[in-house]
Amino acid sequence: MLKRLYVKNVALISEADIEFDGGLNVLSGETGSGKSVILDSINFVLGCKADRTMIRYGESEAFVRAEFVLDKNSDAVKVLNEYDIETDGEVIISRKLSSDGKGSIKINGDSVTASMLKGVTQHLVDVHGQSEHFFLLSEDNQLKLIDSLAAEKTEKIKDGLADLISEKRQLKSKIDSLGGDESERARKLDLLGYQINEIQAAGLKAGEYEELKTRQNVLLNIEKIMSAINEAKTVIGGEGGCGDCLALAMHAMNGISSIDDGYAQIYGRLESVGAEIDDISETLSAYADNLSFDEGEAKQIDERLELIKTLIKKYGADEEHVISYMEKAQAEFEAISDSAALIEKYMAQINKCDEKIYDCCQELTKIRKAVAQSLSERVVGELKTLNIPDAQFGVYFNEYDMASADLQNVNGADKISFEFSANKGEPKKPLNKVISGGEMSRFMLAIKTQLKDLNGISTYIFDEIDSGISGFTAATVAKKFIDISRHTQILAVSHLPQVCAASDAQLLIYKVEEGGKTVTKVKKLTKEQKVEEIVRLTGGNSLSDAARRHAEELINQFKN
């Protein structure tokens, strides 16, 4: 149960410290007094998304702390143990939001993430309000509700469905890797054959592209190359060139080489240079002799380069990658060509999976129909006590067979619809087509009365779900709240005097002016103050003895 809530700087609340009882806690107050701020604060500390607009004007941060007392074997405590957060049954959650958008969340002093917070609080509090009316109008959510009533059985079957669907998906993946069905394999073989032939016909060699680019560069610069070679040859071998100069130097050093070994060595070195120059001259002549522009060759190189670029664009970063792609394509081509028997084997396994999935779906449908029948009968009984004497309620299930069933859905093949009629002689129709606002509030309460022992939640919050209800029905709603609160703590925002009269704790939300600012306050009412609040809610005169006696009689009506 939620034992205590501390709120600071949230909207109009400067500071509030609220203690709750374990039974039925009712929050009342004038319209606009700030009841929604209390609920917003609870939602905030439970992990709902918040923004800086919730921070009280002029303040730098908002802060909310909630203290819970739980059974040590509860699901929430189990989650805390998984998070390595110690607890002796008491759970203190605090959340802060600063004006710069930063925030912090702590559970029992340990910092946690928003997702970790929700992992805990989903087992602590269940908030029901006008918005949940829309939740139950969704047929997907209706199916979730049915499944929750037999969760142990349905979850086990759904786990089995998930395993079978996963197995079937893996088998299909294997078939896809082998080219898929017969037509897909034929298309795949055609494509692979084309790619293999295209690469084989090109006769690629590793490094060929760079070699061709080098030769292309020579052909494009042939005049420049010839000019440079001729100039070099003239400098080396021409009249007065370096060859003649070197011959003069050698002649001079030869004349003194017998005088000293050092001079002889220099002569030898000059002789070596001469030999190197002669070799360079011959090489230049060879280059010049072989240098010619062949237009046909240039065209062939251009075409070859273009072909290689096309193949690289399609199949890889260079020639080696293209060749590697071809080798893999050849292996895949051979595998697909030999895959018919293997695919037939996988298809037989898929068919067996489908049969097992269909059996699971039928088993799930059988369980759901039994649960739905029981729920329908009990909800109709509740609705009759809530002043809808001719209420009819049932759950419609779509019919399916092996051919039409959705065998890919872990939730099974069922599509359901809650059907309702409030009037005698009128057929049941889908809930979202026929139910009114007041009827929806009572329908919601009937559903929650049936769920009170099933979900392990320690606290229910009802946000004005009694809207549109009055008179005799209001008294019945109050009794339903009492019934639920025997097992689960309730926090209910209500304007009904009957609900307030039935409360174990009555909290008044009101506004005052402090220092030129409007502030929302919360106070737990004494017995006398509770009488005065009920008089206000009934529209009576607080000074009237008759009005007070009526309020006291209303309170006594709900005493055990």
Protein backbone atom coordinates (compact mmCIF):
# COMPACT_ATOMS: atom_id res chain seq x y z
CA MET A 1 0.00 0.00 0.00
CA LEU A 2 0.96 3.62 -0.47
CA LYS A 3 1.66 4.80 3.05
CA ARG A 4 2.83 8.37 2.47
CA LEU A 5 3.24 10.90 -0.33
CA TYR A 6 5.42 13.99 -0.07
CA VAL A 7 5.09 16.62 -2.81
CA LYS A 8 7.14 19.79 -3.20
CA ASN A 9 6.91 22.50 -5.87
CA VAL A 10 4.54 20.67 -8.21
CA ALA A 11 2.11 23.03 -10.01
CA LEU A 12 0.15 24.89 -7.29
CA ILE A 13 1.47 22.70 -4.46
CA SER A 14 4.27 24.37 -2.54
CA GLU A 15 4.57 21.49 -0.11
CA ALA A 16 2.27 18.67 0.93
CA ASP A 17 2.82 15.65 3.17
CA ILE A 18 -0.04 13.18 2.88
CA GLU A 19 -0.57 9.98 4.87
CA PHE A 20 -2.97 7.36 3.52
CA ASP A 21 -4.90 4.60 5.24
CA GLY A 22 -4.89 1.01 4.07
CA GLY A 23 -8.54 0.90 2.97
CA LEU A 24 -10.63 3.41 1.02
CA ASN A 25 -9.03 6.86 0.76
CA VAL A 26 -11.22 9.46 -0.93
CA LEU A 27 -9.94 12.79 -2.26
CA SER A 28 -12.54 15.48 -2.74
CA GLY A 29 -12.63 19.23 -3.29
CA GLU A 30 -14.02 21.98 -5.42
CA THR A 31 -13.48 21.84 -9.18
CA GLY A 32 -10.06 23.30 -9.94
CA SER A 33 -8.81 22.84 -6.38
CA GLY A 34 -5.89 20.70 -7.52
CA LYS A 35 -7.03 17.09 -7.19
CA SER A 36 -5.43 16.34 -10.56
CA VAL A 37 -2.12 17.71 -9.24
CA ILE A 38 -2.06 15.02 -6.57
CA LEU A 39 -2.65 12.34 -9.20
CA ASP A 40 -0.08 13.93 -11.51
CA SER A 41 2.42 13.80 -8.65
CA ILE A 42 1.69 10.12 -8.06
CA ASN A 43 2.00 9.37 -11.77
CA PHE A 44 5.29 11.31 -11.84
CA VAL A 45 6.84 9.32 -9.00
CA LEU A 46 5.56 6.08 -10.59
CA GLY A 47 7.56 6.82 -13.73
CA CYS A 48 5.23 8.64 -16.12
CA LYS A 49 6.76 11.12 -18.53
CA ALA A 50 6.94 14.67 -17.18
CA ASP A 51 8.10 18.06 -18.40
CA ARG A 52 9.26 21.26 -16.81
CA THR A 53 5.78 22.81 -16.89
CA MET A 54 4.89 20.78 -13.79
CA ILE A 55 7.46 22.72 -11.73
CA ARG A 56 5.84 25.39 -9.56
CA TYR A 57 6.27 28.90 -10.98
CA GLY A 58 9.36 30.61 -9.60
CA GLU A 59 10.98 27.39 -8.35
CA SER A 60 13.97 25.54 -9.79
CA GLU A 61 12.86 21.94 -9.24
CA ALA A 62 9.94 19.67 -8.39
CA PHE A 63 10.26 16.74 -5.99
CA VAL A 64 7.98 13.83 -5.08
CA ARG A 65 8.57 10.99 -2.64
CA ALA A 66 6.29 7.98 -2.18
CA GLU A 67 6.57 5.45 0.65
CA PHE A 68 5.11 1.97 0.15
CA VAL A 69 4.70 -0.93 2.55
CA LEU A 70 4.67 -4.29 0.76
CA ASP A 71 4.45 -8.00 1.36
CA LYS A 72 7.97 -9.44 1.26
CA ASN A 73 6.79 -12.01 -1.29
CA SER A 74 5.22 -9.46 -3.66
CA ASP A 75 6.23 -9.16 -7.32
CA ALA A 76 7.59 -5.66 -6.70
CA VAL A 77 10.00 -6.98 -4.04
CA LYS A 78 11.11 -9.74 -6.43
CA VAL A 79 11.96 -7.10 -9.06
CA LEU A 80 13.89 -5.07 -6.47
CA ASN A 81 15.89 -8.17 -5.58
CA GLU A 82 16.75 -8.58 -9.28
CA TYR A 83 18.00 -4.97 -9.24
CA ASP A 84 20.07 -5.71 -6.09
CA ILE A 85 18.09 -3.08 -4.16
CA GLU A 86 17.65 -4.04 -0.53
CA THR A 87 14.22 -3.83 1.10
CA ASP A 88 12.61 -5.11 4.27
CA GLY A 89 9.13 -4.61 2.83
CA GLU A 90 9.34 -0.83 2.79
CA VAL A 91 9.96 0.87 -0.55
CA ILE A 92 10.74 4.58 -0.80
CA ILE A 93 10.71 6.08 -4.28
CA SER A 94 11.86 9.64 -4.89
CA ARG A 95 11.98 11.56 -8.13
CA LYS A 96 13.28 15.02 -8.89
CA LEU A 97 12.94 17.20 -12.00
CA SER A 98 14.95 20.41 -12.47
CA SER A 99 14.07 23.43 -14.60
CA ASP A 100 17.03 22.60 -16.87
CA GLY A 101 15.32 19.31 -17.75
CA LYS A 102 17.62 17.12 -15.70
CA GLY A 103 16.25 14.72 -13.14
CA SER A 104 17.05 11.89 -10.78
CA ILE A 105 15.22 8.78 -9.58
CA LYS A 106 16.01 6.76 -6.47
CA ILE A 107 14.55 3.64 -4.91
CA ASN A 108 15.55 3.05 -1.29
CA GLY A 109 18.44 5.46 -1.87
CA ASP A 110 19.79 3.67 -4.97
CA SER A 111 19.77 5.59 -8.26
CA VAL A 112 17.77 3.86 -10.99
CA THR A 113 16.70 4.52 -14.58
CA ALA A 114 13.14 5.35 -15.67
CA SER A 115 12.71 1.88 -17.16
CA MET A 116 13.86 0.25 -13.91
CA LEU A 117 11.39 2.43 -12.00
CA LYS A 118 8.50 1.31 -14.20
CA GLY A 119 9.63 -2.29 -13.77
CA VAL A 120 8.92 -1.90 -10.05
CA THR A 121 5.91 0.43 -10.01
CA GLN A 122 3.87 -1.64 -12.47
CA HIS A 123 3.52 -4.09 -9.57
CA LEU A 124 2.65 -1.40 -7.02
CA VAL A 125 -0.14 0.80 -8.34
CA ASP A 126 -2.89 0.51 -10.94
CA VAL A 127 -4.35 3.85 -12.03
CA HIS A 128 -7.90 3.82 -13.43
CA GLY A 129 -9.51 6.89 -14.86
CA GLN A 130 -11.56 8.19 -17.73
CA SER A 131 -8.66 7.43 -20.09
CA GLU A 132 -8.85 3.72 -19.28
CA HIS A 133 -12.41 3.67 -20.59
CA PHE A 134 -10.81 4.10 -24.00
CA PHE A 135 -8.30 1.36 -23.15
CA LEU A 136 -11.10 -1.18 -22.71
CA LEU A 137 -12.78 -0.10 -25.93
CA SER A 138 -9.81 -1.47 -27.87
CA GLU A 139 -10.34 -5.09 -28.92
CA ASP A 140 -6.61 -5.84 -28.54
CA ASN A 141 -6.78 -4.69 -24.93
CA GLN A 142 -9.94 -6.72 -24.38
CA LEU A 143 -7.99 -9.83 -25.38
CA LYS A 144 -5.22 -8.88 -22.93
CA LEU A 145 -7.81 -8.61 -20.17
CA ILE A 146 -9.20 -12.08 -20.92
CA ASP A 147 -5.68 -13.53 -20.91
CA SER A 148 -4.87 -11.87 -17.58
CA LEU A 149 -7.69 -13.84 -15.95
CA ALA A 150 -5.97 -17.12 -16.80
CA ALA A 151 -2.43 -15.81 -17.03
CA GLU A 152 -0.67 -18.97 -15.82
CA LYS A 153 -2.30 -21.13 -18.51
CA THR A 154 -2.31 -18.61 -21.36
CA GLU A 155 1.28 -17.48 -20.83
CA LYS A 156 2.49 -21.08 -20.90
CA ILE A 157 0.72 -21.69 -24.22
CA LYS A 158 1.95 -18.38 -25.65
CA ASP A 159 5.53 -19.27 -24.68
CA GLY A 160 5.09 -22.50 -26.63
CA LEU A 161 3.65 -20.56 -29.58
CA ALA A 162 6.63 -18.21 -29.52
CA ASP A 163 9.05 -21.17 -29.64
CA LEU A 164 7.18 -22.81 -32.54
CA ILE A 165 6.94 -19.56 -34.52
CA SER A 166 10.65 -18.95 -33.93
CA GLU A 167 11.42 -22.48 -35.15
CA LYS A 168 9.29 -21.93 -38.25
CA ARG A 169 11.02 -18.61 -38.92
CA GLN A 170 14.42 -20.33 -38.77
CA LEU A 171 13.26 -23.01 -41.20
CA LYS A 172 12.00 -20.35 -43.61
CA SER A 173 15.33 -18.59 -43.30
CA LYS A 174 17.09 -21.80 -44.28
CA ILE A 175 14.80 -22.16 -47.30
CA ASP A 176 15.46 -18.53 -48.23
CA SER A 177 19.20 -19.21 -48.08
CA LEU A 178 18.61 -22.04 -50.54
CA GLY A 179 16.73 -19.82 -52.92
CA GLY A 180 13.17 -19.99 -51.56
CA ASP A 181 10.38 -21.80 -53.40
CA GLU A 182 10.75 -23.27 -56.92
CA SER A 183 10.05 -20.02 -58.78
CA GLU A 184 12.32 -18.05 -56.45
CA ARG A 185 15.08 -20.62 -56.92
CA ALA A 186 14.73 -20.38 -60.71
CA ARG A 187 15.03 -16.59 -60.54
CA LYS A 188 17.99 -16.87 -58.19
CA LEU A 189 19.75 -19.38 -60.45
CA ASP A 190 19.21 -17.13 -63.48
CA LEU A 191 20.70 -14.18 -61.65
CA LEU A 192 23.64 -16.12 -60.25
CA GLY A 193 24.33 -17.70 -63.66
CA TYR A 194 24.36 -14.28 -65.32
CA GLN A 195 26.71 -12.86 -62.67
CA ILE A 196 29.10 -15.83 -62.87
CA ASN A 197 29.23 -15.71 -66.68
CA GLU A 198 29.74 -11.96 -66.69
CA ILE A 199 32.74 -12.17 -64.36
CA GLN A 200 34.20 -15.30 -66.01
CA ALA A 201 33.94 -13.74 -69.48
CA ALA A 202 35.96 -10.74 -68.29
CA GLY A 203 38.95 -12.96 -67.33
CA LEU A 204 40.07 -10.63 -64.57
CA LYS A 205 43.56 -10.66 -63.05
CA ALA A 206 44.47 -9.20 -59.69
CA GLY A 207 46.22 -5.82 -60.13
CA GLU A 208 45.19 -5.55 -63.78
CA TYR A 209 43.35 -2.26 -63.33
CA GLU A 210 46.42 -0.46 -62.00
CA GLU A 211 48.61 -1.89 -64.78
CA LEU A 212 46.18 -0.66 -67.42
CA LYS A 213 45.95 2.77 -65.80
CA THR A 214 49.76 3.03 -65.95
CA ARG A 215 49.85 2.08 -69.67
CA GLN A 216 46.98 4.47 -70.39
CA ASN A 217 48.92 7.27 -68.71
CA VAL A 218 51.93 6.55 -70.96
CA LEU A 219 49.82 6.72 -74.13
CA LEU A 220 48.18 9.95 -73.03
CA ASN A 221 51.61 11.56 -72.41
CA ILE A 222 53.62 10.05 -75.29
CA GLU A 223 54.72 13.37 -76.82
CA LYS A 224 55.87 14.67 -73.44
CA ILE A 225 57.77 11.43 -72.77
CA MET A 226 59.48 11.43 -76.22
CA SER A 227 60.55 15.05 -75.79
CA ALA A 228 62.05 14.30 -72.36
CA ILE A 229 63.93 11.22 -73.65
CA ASN A 230 65.40 13.09 -76.62
CA GLU A 231 66.47 15.95 -74.41
CA ALA A 232 68.12 13.53 -71.97
CA LYS A 233 69.91 11.70 -74.78
CA THR A 234 71.23 15.01 -76.19
CA VAL A 235 72.55 16.06 -72.76
CA ILE A 236 74.22 12.70 -72.22
CA GLY A 237 75.54 11.77 -75.69
CA GLY A 238 75.41 14.95 -77.75
CA GLU A 239 78.47 16.98 -78.86
CA GLY A 240 79.84 18.73 -75.81
CA GLY A 241 77.49 16.76 -73.60
CA CYS A 242 78.28 15.07 -70.33
CA GLY A 243 79.74 12.02 -72.19
CA ASP A 244 82.41 14.21 -73.87
CA CYS A 245 83.15 16.01 -70.60
CA LEU A 246 83.49 12.71 -68.77
CA ALA A 247 85.95 11.45 -71.47
CA LEU A 248 88.13 14.54 -70.93
CA ALA A 249 88.08 14.00 -67.17
CA MET A 250 89.03 10.34 -67.56
CA HIS A 251 91.92 11.27 -69.91
CA ALA A 252 93.23 13.80 -67.39
CA MET A 253 93.07 11.38 -64.41
CA ASN A 254 94.56 8.55 -66.43
CA GLY A 255 97.72 10.63 -66.86
CA ILE A 256 98.31 10.74 -63.10
CA SER A 257 96.78 7.43 -61.99
CA SER A 258 100.28 5.82 -61.75
CA ILE A 259 101.48 8.46 -59.32
CA ASP A 260 99.12 7.60 -56.46
CA ASP A 261 96.52 4.88 -55.76
CA GLY A 262 94.00 7.58 -54.83
CA TYR A 263 94.20 9.07 -58.33
CA ALA A 264 93.86 5.61 -59.81
CA GLN A 265 90.69 5.03 -57.74
CA ILE A 266 89.15 8.26 -59.00
CA TYR A 267 89.92 7.20 -62.55
CA GLY A 268 88.20 3.87 -61.88
CA ARG A 269 85.12 5.62 -60.50
CA LEU A 270 84.96 7.91 -63.54
CA GLU A 271 85.18 4.81 -65.69
CA SER A 272 82.19 3.28 -63.82
CA VAL A 273 80.19 6.48 -64.29
CA GLY A 274 81.00 6.32 -67.97
CA ALA A 275 79.70 2.75 -68.18
CA GLU A 276 76.51 3.78 -66.32
CA ILE A 277 75.99 6.73 -68.67
CA ASP A 278 76.45 4.43 -71.68
CA ASP A 279 73.84 2.04 -70.20
CA ILE A 280 71.40 4.90 -69.54
CA SER A 281 71.89 6.12 -73.10
CA GLU A 282 71.13 2.65 -74.47
CA THR A 283 68.05 2.33 -72.24
CA LEU A 284 66.76 5.72 -73.41
CA SER A 285 67.29 4.62 -77.02
CA ALA A 286 65.37 1.41 -76.35
CA TYR A 287 62.49 3.40 -74.79
CA ALA A 288 62.49 5.74 -77.75
CA ASP A 289 62.49 2.84 -80.24
CA ASN A 290 59.53 1.19 -78.48
CA LEU A 291 57.60 4.41 -77.99
CA SER A 292 54.75 4.83 -80.39
CA PHE A 293 51.06 5.74 -80.15
CA ASP A 294 48.66 2.96 -81.17
CA GLU A 295 45.12 4.26 -81.39
CA GLY A 296 43.74 0.72 -81.38
CA GLU A 297 45.60 -0.12 -78.19
CA ALA A 298 44.41 3.09 -76.51
CA LYS A 299 40.82 2.21 -77.37
CA GLN A 300 41.18 -1.32 -76.07
CA ILE A 301 42.63 -0.05 -72.78
CA ASP A 302 39.76 2.44 -72.37
CA GLU A 303 37.19 -0.28 -72.98
CA ARG A 304 38.94 -2.73 -70.66
CA LEU A 305 39.16 -0.17 -67.87
CA GLU A 306 35.47 0.66 -68.27
CA LEU A 307 34.57 -3.02 -68.07
CA ILE A 308 36.63 -3.53 -64.91
CA LYS A 309 35.10 -0.42 -63.31
CA THR A 310 31.61 -1.75 -64.07
CA LEU A 311 32.39 -5.11 -62.49
CA ILE A 312 33.96 -3.47 -59.42
CA LYS A 313 30.90 -1.25 -59.02
CA LYS A 314 28.65 -4.32 -59.07
CA TYR A 315 30.64 -6.90 -57.18
CA GLY A 316 33.48 -5.52 -55.06
CA ALA A 317 36.13 -2.96 -54.23
CA ASP A 318 38.79 -4.37 -56.57
CA GLU A 319 39.57 -7.30 -58.88
CA GLU A 320 40.25 -9.67 -55.97
CA HIS A 321 36.84 -8.89 -54.42
CA VAL A 322 35.12 -9.42 -57.76
CA ILE A 323 36.80 -12.79 -58.21
CA SER A 324 35.89 -13.73 -54.62
CA TYR A 325 32.26 -12.76 -55.30
CA MET A 326 32.25 -15.03 -58.35
CA GLU A 327 33.58 -17.96 -56.31
CA LYS A 328 30.86 -17.47 -53.67
CA ALA A 329 28.20 -17.17 -56.39
CA GLN A 330 29.43 -20.43 -57.92
CA ALA A 331 29.15 -22.15 -54.51
CA GLU A 332 25.64 -20.75 -53.99
CA PHE A 333 24.62 -21.77 -57.52
CA GLU A 334 25.71 -25.34 -56.83
CA ALA A 335 23.94 -25.39 -53.42
CA ILE A 336 20.66 -24.11 -54.88
CA SER A 337 20.88 -26.53 -57.79
CA ASP A 338 21.15 -29.41 -55.31
CA SER A 339 18.63 -27.99 -52.76
CA ALA A 340 15.30 -29.45 -53.89
CA ALA A 341 15.42 -32.43 -51.52
CA LEU A 342 16.58 -30.28 -48.60
CA ILE A 343 13.84 -27.71 -49.18
CA GLU A 344 11.24 -30.46 -49.30
CA LYS A 345 12.50 -31.64 -45.90
CA TYR A 346 12.29 -28.11 -44.43
CA MET A 347 8.79 -27.60 -45.85
CA ALA A 348 7.62 -30.81 -44.17
CA GLN A 349 9.01 -29.52 -40.87
CA ILE A 350 7.22 -26.17 -41.36
CA ASN A 351 3.93 -27.99 -41.96
CA LYS A 352 4.42 -29.90 -38.71
CA CYS A 353 5.10 -26.60 -36.92
CA ASP A 354 1.89 -25.15 -38.37
CA GLU A 355 -0.09 -28.16 -37.10
CA LYS A 356 1.36 -27.72 -33.62
CA ILE A 357 0.72 -23.95 -33.73
CA TYR A 358 -2.88 -24.56 -34.77
CA ASP A 359 -3.33 -27.01 -31.88
CA CYS A 360 -1.95 -24.38 -29.47
CA CYS A 361 -4.30 -21.75 -30.92
CA GLN A 362 -7.28 -24.02 -30.39
CA GLU A 363 -6.21 -24.80 -26.84
CA LEU A 364 -5.80 -21.08 -26.18
CA THR A 365 -9.25 -20.40 -27.64
CA LYS A 366 -10.81 -23.07 -25.42
CA ILE A 367 -9.29 -21.51 -22.29
CA ARG A 368 -10.27 -17.99 -23.34
CA LYS A 369 -13.86 -18.96 -24.08
CA ALA A 370 -14.22 -20.56 -20.66
CA VAL A 371 -12.74 -17.48 -18.98
CA ALA A 372 -14.89 -15.15 -21.08
CA GLN A 373 -18.07 -17.07 -20.22
CA SER A 374 -17.32 -16.89 -16.51
CA LEU A 375 -16.34 -13.23 -16.68
CA SER A 376 -19.47 -12.34 -18.66
CA GLU A 377 -21.75 -13.94 -16.08
CA ARG A 378 -20.00 -12.25 -13.16
CA VAL A 379 -19.88 -8.83 -14.86
CA VAL A 380 -23.60 -9.03 -15.70
CA GLY A 381 -24.26 -9.80 -12.03
CA GLU A 382 -22.21 -6.75 -11.00
CA LEU A 383 -23.96 -4.52 -13.57
CA LYS A 384 -27.37 -5.54 -12.25
CA THR A 385 -26.33 -4.37 -8.77
CA LEU A 386 -25.11 -1.14 -10.39
CA ASN A 387 -28.63 -0.33 -11.61
CA ILE A 388 -28.40 -1.77 -15.12
CA PRO A 389 -30.99 -4.50 -14.50
CA ASP A 390 -31.28 -5.61 -18.12
CA ALA A 391 -27.56 -5.66 -18.80
CA GLN A 392 -26.26 -8.20 -21.29
CA PHE A 393 -22.56 -8.75 -21.77
CA GLY A 394 -20.63 -11.34 -23.72
CA VAL A 395 -17.39 -11.89 -25.58
CA TYR A 396 -17.59 -12.60 -29.33
CA PHE A 397 -14.89 -14.87 -30.78
CA ASN A 398 -14.12 -15.02 -34.48
CA GLU A 399 -14.33 -18.43 -36.10
CA TYR A 400 -11.23 -19.82 -37.80
CA ASP A 401 -9.88 -23.02 -39.30
CA MET A 402 -6.44 -24.23 -40.36
CA ALA A 403 -6.63 -22.30 -43.63
CA SER A 404 -7.77 -18.96 -42.18
CA ALA A 405 -5.95 -18.95 -38.84
CA ASP A 406 -3.12 -16.51 -38.25
CA LEU A 407 -0.28 -18.92 -37.53
CA GLN A 408 2.33 -16.19 -37.15
CA ASN A 409 0.95 -14.51 -34.01
CA VAL A 410 2.29 -15.40 -30.55
CA ASN A 411 -1.09 -14.34 -29.14
CA GLY A 412 -2.88 -17.03 -31.12
CA ALA A 413 -5.55 -16.84 -33.80
CA ASP A 414 -8.35 -15.26 -31.74
CA LYS A 415 -9.93 -11.93 -32.50
CA ILE A 416 -12.51 -10.96 -29.90
CA SER A 417 -14.96 -8.20 -29.20
CA PHE A 418 -16.70 -7.24 -25.96
CA GLU A 419 -20.41 -6.95 -26.75
CA PHE A 420 -22.91 -5.13 -24.55
CA SER A 421 -26.55 -4.17 -24.30
CA ALA A 422 -28.09 -2.10 -21.51
CA ASN A 423 -31.71 -2.40 -22.63
CA LYS A 424 -34.10 -5.31 -22.63
CA GLY A 425 -34.90 -6.61 -26.09
CA GLU A 426 -31.86 -4.97 -27.66
CA PRO A 427 -29.20 -7.30 -29.08
CA LYS A 428 -25.63 -7.10 -27.87
CA LYS A 429 -23.33 -4.97 -30.00
CA PRO A 430 -19.61 -4.09 -29.83
CA LEU A 431 -18.90 -2.16 -26.64
CA ASN A 432 -17.51 0.88 -28.42
CA LYS A 433 -20.69 1.23 -30.50
CA VAL A 434 -23.39 1.27 -27.83
CA ILE A 435 -22.13 2.07 -24.32
CA SER A 436 -22.70 5.52 -22.78
CA GLY A 437 -20.33 7.39 -20.48
CA GLY A 438 -22.23 6.58 -17.29
CA GLU A 439 -22.65 2.95 -18.33
CA MET A 440 -18.94 2.77 -19.14
CA SER A 441 -18.05 3.94 -15.62
CA ARG A 442 -20.19 1.22 -14.11
CA PHE A 443 -18.88 -1.37 -16.57
CA MET A 444 -15.32 -0.40 -15.63
CA LEU A 445 -16.10 -0.77 -11.93
CA ALA A 446 -17.71 -4.16 -12.54
CA ILE A 447 -14.57 -5.31 -14.35
CA LYS A 448 -12.24 -4.01 -11.63
CA THR A 449 -14.33 -5.68 -8.92
CA GLN A 450 -13.65 -8.99 -10.67
CA LEU A 451 -9.92 -8.28 -10.99
CA LYS A 452 -9.28 -7.20 -7.43
CA ASP A 453 -7.67 -10.47 -6.28
CA LEU A 454 -5.88 -11.40 -9.47
CA ASN A 455 -3.09 -8.98 -10.36
CA GLY A 456 -1.11 -8.67 -7.11
CA ILE A 457 -1.41 -4.85 -7.18
CA SER A 458 -1.44 -3.33 -3.71
CA THR A 459 -3.00 0.03 -4.60
CA TYR A 460 -5.80 1.04 -6.98
CA ILE A 461 -6.29 4.66 -7.96
CA PHE A 462 -9.70 5.63 -9.35
CA ASP A 463 -9.83 9.06 -10.98
CA GLU A 464 -13.50 10.09 -11.09
CA ILE A 465 -14.63 6.87 -12.76
CA ASP A 466 -17.93 7.45 -10.90
CA SER A 467 -18.60 10.38 -13.26
CA GLY A 468 -22.20 10.42 -14.50
CA ILE A 469 -23.46 8.32 -11.58
CA SER A 470 -25.91 9.43 -8.89
CA GLY A 471 -28.70 8.32 -6.60
CA PHE A 472 -29.13 4.63 -5.77
CA THR A 473 -26.33 3.67 -8.15
CA ALA A 474 -23.92 5.95 -6.28
CA ALA A 475 -24.54 3.98 -3.08
CA THR A 476 -23.84 0.75 -4.93
CA VAL A 477 -20.60 2.20 -6.33
CA ALA A 478 -19.55 3.10 -2.81
CA LYS A 479 -20.22 -0.46 -1.68
CA LYS A 480 -18.14 -1.78 -4.58
CA PHE A 481 -15.28 0.45 -3.49
CA ILE A 482 -15.62 -0.92 0.04
CA ASP A 483 -15.59 -4.46 -1.31
CA ILE A 484 -12.42 -3.87 -3.32
CA SER A 485 -10.71 -1.98 -0.47
CA ARG A 486 -10.99 -5.03 1.80
CA HIS A 487 -8.27 -6.60 -0.34
CA THR A 488 -6.59 -3.64 -2.06
CA GLN A 489 -5.90 -0.07 -0.95
CA ILE A 490 -7.94 2.47 -2.93
CA LEU A 491 -7.27 6.14 -3.63
CA ALA A 492 -10.38 7.57 -5.25
CA VAL A 493 -11.02 11.06 -6.54
CA SER A 494 -14.78 11.49 -6.25
CA HIS A 495 -17.57 14.05 -6.05
CA LEU A 496 -20.13 11.53 -4.81
CA PRO A 497 -21.21 12.06 -1.17
CA GLN A 498 -21.93 8.33 -0.90
CA VAL A 499 -18.33 7.44 -1.82
CA CYS A 500 -16.99 10.01 0.62
CA ALA A 501 -19.29 8.64 3.34
CA ALA A 502 -17.90 5.15 2.73
CA SER A 503 -14.26 6.27 3.06
CA ASP A 504 -11.85 5.08 5.70
CA ALA A 505 -9.91 8.29 5.22
CA GLN A 506 -11.24 11.51 3.70
CA LEU A 507 -8.76 14.00 2.25
CA LEU A 508 -9.80 17.49 1.22
CA ILE A 509 -7.99 19.31 -1.59
CA TYR A 510 -8.41 23.07 -1.41
CA LYS A 511 -6.77 26.32 -2.49
CA VAL A 512 -5.65 29.28 -0.37
CA GLU A 513 -3.69 32.47 -1.00
CA GLU A 514 -0.28 32.82 0.61
CA GLY A 515 2.04 35.73 -0.03
CA GLY A 516 0.08 36.84 -3.06
CA LYS A 517 0.20 33.35 -4.64
CA THR A 518 -2.41 30.62 -4.95
CA VAL A 519 -1.43 27.42 -3.17
CA THR A 520 -3.08 23.99 -3.15
CA LYS A 521 -3.34 22.32 0.26
CA VAL A 522 -4.28 18.82 1.36
CA LYS A 523 -5.63 17.85 4.76
CA LYS A 524 -7.03 14.66 6.24
CA LEU A 525 -10.46 15.39 7.65
CA THR A 526 -11.61 14.59 11.14
CA LYS A 527 -14.97 12.88 11.64
CA GLU A 528 -16.63 16.26 12.11
CA GLN A 529 -14.95 17.77 9.07
CA LYS A 530 -15.94 14.71 7.02
CA VAL A 531 -19.58 15.37 7.92
CA GLU A 532 -19.21 18.98 6.76
CA GLU A 533 -17.65 17.85 3.46
CA ILE A 534 -20.51 15.43 2.79
CA VAL A 535 -22.99 18.24 3.51
CA ARG A 536 -21.14 20.38 0.95
CA LEU A 537 -21.22 17.59 -1.63
CA THR A 538 -24.95 17.07 -1.15
CA GLY A 539 -25.54 20.79 -1.61
CA GLY A 540 -26.88 21.18 1.93
CA ASN A 541 -26.47 23.99 4.44
CA SER A 542 -23.59 23.29 6.80
CA LEU A 543 -25.51 25.11 9.54
CA SER A 544 -28.57 22.91 9.09
CA ASP A 545 -29.00 20.15 11.68
CA ALA A 546 -31.06 18.18 9.18
CA ALA A 547 -28.28 18.31 6.60
CA ARG A 548 -25.74 17.18 9.16
CA ARG A 549 -27.97 14.35 10.38
CA HIS A 550 -28.40 13.22 6.77
CA ALA A 551 -24.63 13.20 6.32
CA GLU A 552 -24.16 11.21 9.52
CA GLU A 553 -26.83 8.73 8.43
CA LEU A 554 -25.02 8.36 5.11
CA ILE A 555 -21.78 7.55 6.94
CA ASN A 556 -23.51 5.06 9.25
CA GLN A 557 -25.06 3.37 6.22
CA PHE A 558 -21.62 2.17 5.13
CA LYS A 559 -20.31 1.10 8.52
CA ASN A 560 -19.77 -2.61 8.91
